[in-house]
Amino acid sequence: MSRYLLDKFLYTVDRDPELVERYREDPAGTVDWWEREKANEILNCAVAEKSTWLAFTDDERKALRDHDHLALFGLGAHPFLTLTLFIAMFERDHGPLEYQKAYGRALQQQYALPYPDVAT
């Protein structure tokens, strides 16, 4: 499991409006493409450097493909990164703050203290 890679996916997709829409409309295709093309790029690196070893686990891949924020939280993805991306994708389908409140209620019902470690 790589919390780093989950957070990197959420961070990079959230910062590109075209990727946000692509992920909303085709989550499986976007996850597969991103893992193949972007996962091993070094963040904020001016030179085109790449690593070769980063890949999602099956559970991570499934949670991302399913837009399952509860599973992502349980896998250690940072809740603020998940929330900001999912707001960009799904808030338009709800009234003001409805999505954020439902997100919080779902986490509250699913997880009792102590929460999974989300240290950065």
C-alpha atoms as a PDB file:
ATOM      1  CA  MET A   1       0.000   0.000   0.000  1.00  0.00           C
ATOM      2  CA  SER A   2       1.268   3.446  -0.874  1.00  0.00           C
ATOM      3  CA  ARG A   3      -0.425   6.381   0.790  1.00  0.00           C
ATOM      4  CA  TYR A   4       1.999   8.538  -1.157  1.00  0.00           C
ATOM      5  CA  LEU A   5       0.737   7.289  -4.508  1.00  0.00           C
ATOM      6  CA  LEU A   6      -2.936   7.626  -3.524  1.00  0.00           C
ATOM      7  CA  ASP A   7      -2.340  11.175  -2.337  1.00  0.00           C
ATOM      8  CA  LYS A   8      -0.299  11.974  -5.448  1.00  0.00           C
ATOM      9  CA  PHE A   9      -3.179  10.808  -7.657  1.00  0.00           C
ATOM     10  CA  LEU A  10      -5.744  12.864  -5.729  1.00  0.00           C
ATOM     11  CA  TYR A  11      -3.476  15.926  -5.697  1.00  0.00           C
ATOM     12  CA  THR A  12      -2.532  15.886  -9.372  1.00  0.00           C
ATOM     13  CA  VAL A  13      -6.003  15.099 -10.705  1.00  0.00           C
ATOM     14  CA  ASP A  14      -7.601  17.794  -8.519  1.00  0.00           C
ATOM     15  CA  ARG A  15      -5.301  20.457  -9.951  1.00  0.00           C
ATOM     16  CA  ASP A  16      -6.265  19.866 -13.586  1.00  0.00           C
ATOM     17  CA  PRO A  17      -9.891  20.664 -14.520  1.00  0.00           C
ATOM     18  CA  GLU A  18      -9.714  18.420 -17.597  1.00  0.00           C
ATOM     19  CA  LEU A  19      -8.505  15.496 -15.483  1.00  0.00           C
ATOM     20  CA  VAL A  20     -11.244  16.146 -12.930  1.00  0.00           C
ATOM     21  CA  GLU A  21     -13.849  15.792 -15.681  1.00  0.00           C
ATOM     22  CA  ARG A  22     -12.097  12.792 -17.175  1.00  0.00           C
ATOM     23  CA  TYR A  23     -11.986  11.082 -13.772  1.00  0.00           C
ATOM     24  CA  ARG A  24     -15.668  11.892 -13.148  1.00  0.00           C
ATOM     25  CA  GLU A  25     -16.759  10.448 -16.510  1.00  0.00           C
ATOM     26  CA  ASP A  26     -14.308   7.534 -16.872  1.00  0.00           C
ATOM     27  CA  PRO A  27     -12.775   6.627 -13.521  1.00  0.00           C
ATOM     28  CA  ALA A  28     -11.370   3.238 -14.550  1.00  0.00           C
ATOM     29  CA  GLY A  29      -9.815   4.585 -17.735  1.00  0.00           C
ATOM     30  CA  THR A  30      -8.386   7.606 -15.929  1.00  0.00           C
ATOM     31  CA  VAL A  31      -6.892   5.507 -13.121  1.00  0.00           C
ATOM     32  CA  ASP A  32      -5.335   3.085 -15.611  1.00  0.00           C
ATOM     33  CA  TRP A  33      -3.939   5.917 -17.761  1.00  0.00           C
ATOM     34  CA  TRP A  34      -2.638   7.870 -14.764  1.00  0.00           C
ATOM     35  CA  GLU A  35      -0.960   4.833 -13.239  1.00  0.00           C
ATOM     36  CA  ARG A  36       0.696   3.970 -16.548  1.00  0.00           C
ATOM     37  CA  GLU A  37       1.695   7.515 -17.607  1.00  0.00           C
ATOM     38  CA  LYS A  38       1.921   9.706 -14.512  1.00  0.00           C
ATOM     39  CA  ALA A  39       2.451   7.616 -11.382  1.00  0.00           C
ATOM     40  CA  ASN A  40       6.201   7.437 -11.758  1.00  0.00           C
ATOM     41  CA  GLU A  41       6.778  11.088 -12.653  1.00  0.00           C
ATOM     42  CA  ILE A  42       8.557  13.052  -9.961  1.00  0.00           C
ATOM     43  CA  LEU A  43       6.274  15.766  -8.540  1.00  0.00           C
ATOM     44  CA  ASN A  44       7.360  19.365  -9.040  1.00  0.00           C
ATOM     45  CA  CYS A  45      10.528  18.351 -10.864  1.00  0.00           C
ATOM     46  CA  ALA A  46      11.698  20.675 -13.635  1.00  0.00           C
ATOM     47  CA  VAL A  47      13.605  17.882 -15.365  1.00  0.00           C
ATOM     48  CA  ALA A  48      11.657  14.957 -16.840  1.00  0.00           C
ATOM     49  CA  GLU A  49      12.729  12.413 -14.238  1.00  0.00           C
ATOM     50  CA  LYS A  50      10.841   9.214 -13.557  1.00  0.00           C
ATOM     51  CA  SER A  51      10.978   6.390 -11.080  1.00  0.00           C
ATOM     52  CA  THR A  52      10.018   2.872 -12.116  1.00  0.00           C
ATOM     53  CA  TRP A  53       8.476   1.137  -9.129  1.00  0.00           C
ATOM     54  CA  LEU A  54       5.275   2.945  -8.115  1.00  0.00           C
ATOM     55  CA  ALA A  55       1.975   1.148  -8.689  1.00  0.00           C
ATOM     56  CA  PHE A  56      -1.401   0.945  -6.976  1.00  0.00           C
ATOM     57  CA  THR A  57      -2.451  -2.152  -5.101  1.00  0.00           C
ATOM     58  CA  ASP A  58      -5.614  -3.881  -6.288  1.00  0.00           C
ATOM     59  CA  ASP A  59      -7.544  -2.388  -3.347  1.00  0.00           C
ATOM     60  CA  GLU A  60      -6.305   1.123  -4.110  1.00  0.00           C
ATOM     61  CA  ARG A  61      -7.087   0.767  -7.795  1.00  0.00           C
ATOM     62  CA  LYS A  62     -10.620  -0.492  -7.007  1.00  0.00           C
ATOM     63  CA  ALA A  63     -11.315   2.338  -4.526  1.00  0.00           C
ATOM     64  CA  LEU A  64     -10.154   4.940  -7.067  1.00  0.00           C
ATOM     65  CA  ARG A  65     -12.152   3.365  -9.908  1.00  0.00           C
ATOM     66  CA  ASP A  66     -15.265   3.235  -7.705  1.00  0.00           C
ATOM     67  CA  HIS A  67     -14.895   6.817  -6.393  1.00  0.00           C
ATOM     68  CA  ASP A  68     -15.090   5.198  -2.943  1.00  0.00           C
ATOM     69  CA  HIS A  69     -13.956   7.867  -0.500  1.00  0.00           C
ATOM     70  CA  LEU A  70     -14.609   5.599   2.492  1.00  0.00           C
ATOM     71  CA  ALA A  71     -12.288   2.926   1.143  1.00  0.00           C
ATOM     72  CA  LEU A  72      -9.694   5.557   0.212  1.00  0.00           C
ATOM     73  CA  PHE A  73      -9.820   6.943   3.764  1.00  0.00           C
ATOM     74  CA  GLY A  74      -9.421   3.432   5.163  1.00  0.00           C
ATOM     75  CA  LEU A  75      -6.413   2.906   2.891  1.00  0.00           C
ATOM     76  CA  GLY A  76      -4.797   6.035   4.304  1.00  0.00           C
ATOM     77  CA  ALA A  77      -5.537   8.628   1.611  1.00  0.00           C
ATOM     78  CA  HIS A  78      -5.566  12.087   3.114  1.00  0.00           C
ATOM     79  CA  PRO A  79      -9.202  13.087   3.701  1.00  0.00           C
ATOM     80  CA  PHE A  80      -8.687  16.708   2.612  1.00  0.00           C
ATOM     81  CA  LEU A  81      -7.231  15.647  -0.735  1.00  0.00           C
ATOM     82  CA  THR A  82     -10.114  13.247  -1.272  1.00  0.00           C
ATOM     83  CA  LEU A  83     -12.682  15.821  -0.205  1.00  0.00           C
ATOM     84  CA  THR A  84     -11.389  18.612  -2.446  1.00  0.00           C
ATOM     85  CA  LEU A  85     -11.285  16.375  -5.518  1.00  0.00           C
ATOM     86  CA  PHE A  86     -14.685  14.867  -4.832  1.00  0.00           C
ATOM     87  CA  ILE A  87     -16.177  18.336  -4.264  1.00  0.00           C
ATOM     88  CA  ALA A  88     -14.878  19.329  -7.707  1.00  0.00           C
ATOM     89  CA  MET A  89     -16.495  16.238  -9.213  1.00  0.00           C
ATOM     90  CA  PHE A  90     -19.773  15.911  -7.325  1.00  0.00           C
ATOM     91  CA  GLU A  91     -20.783  19.148  -5.601  1.00  0.00           C
ATOM     92  CA  ARG A  92     -22.584  20.289  -8.774  1.00  0.00           C
ATOM     93  CA  ASP A  93     -25.004  17.370  -8.310  1.00  0.00           C
ATOM     94  CA  HIS A  94     -26.078  18.597  -4.852  1.00  0.00           C
ATOM     95  CA  GLY A  95     -27.269  21.715  -3.088  1.00  0.00           C
ATOM     96  CA  PRO A  96     -24.947  24.039  -1.152  1.00  0.00           C
ATOM     97  CA  LEU A  97     -22.778  22.051   1.282  1.00  0.00           C
ATOM     98  CA  GLU A  98     -24.944  18.914   0.868  1.00  0.00           C
ATOM     99  CA  TYR A  99     -22.068  16.891  -0.553  1.00  0.00           C
ATOM    100  CA  GLN A 100     -19.607  17.970   2.126  1.00  0.00           C
ATOM    101  CA  LYS A 101     -22.063  17.149   4.917  1.00  0.00           C
ATOM    102  CA  ALA A 102     -22.863  13.734   3.404  1.00  0.00           C
ATOM    103  CA  TYR A 103     -19.124  13.034   3.045  1.00  0.00           C
ATOM    104  CA  GLY A 104     -18.577  13.831   6.730  1.00  0.00           C
ATOM    105  CA  ARG A 105     -21.571  11.766   7.878  1.00  0.00           C
ATOM    106  CA  ALA A 106     -20.385   8.771   5.863  1.00  0.00           C
ATOM    107  CA  LEU A 107     -16.931   8.945   7.428  1.00  0.00           C
ATOM    108  CA  GLN A 108     -18.399   9.408  10.897  1.00  0.00           C
ATOM    109  CA  GLN A 109     -20.657   6.373  10.513  1.00  0.00           C
ATOM    110  CA  GLN A 110     -17.910   4.186   9.049  1.00  0.00           C
ATOM    111  CA  TYR A 111     -14.987   5.031  11.285  1.00  0.00           C
ATOM    112  CA  ALA A 112     -14.845   5.382  15.016  1.00  0.00           C
ATOM    113  CA  LEU A 113     -11.794   6.751  16.765  1.00  0.00           C
ATOM    114  CA  PRO A 114      -8.946   6.140  16.359  1.00  0.00           C
ATOM    115  CA  TYR A 115      -8.953   7.113  12.712  1.00  0.00           C
ATOM    116  CA  PRO A 116      -6.484   5.624  10.251  1.00  0.00           C
ATOM    117  CA  ASP A 117      -3.171   7.460  10.265  1.00  0.00           C
ATOM    118  CA  VAL A 118      -3.304  10.421   7.859  1.00  0.00           C
ATOM    119  CA  ALA A 119      -0.004  12.006   8.851  1.00  0.00           C
ATOM    120  CA  THR A 120       1.697  13.779   5.989  1.00  0.00           C
END
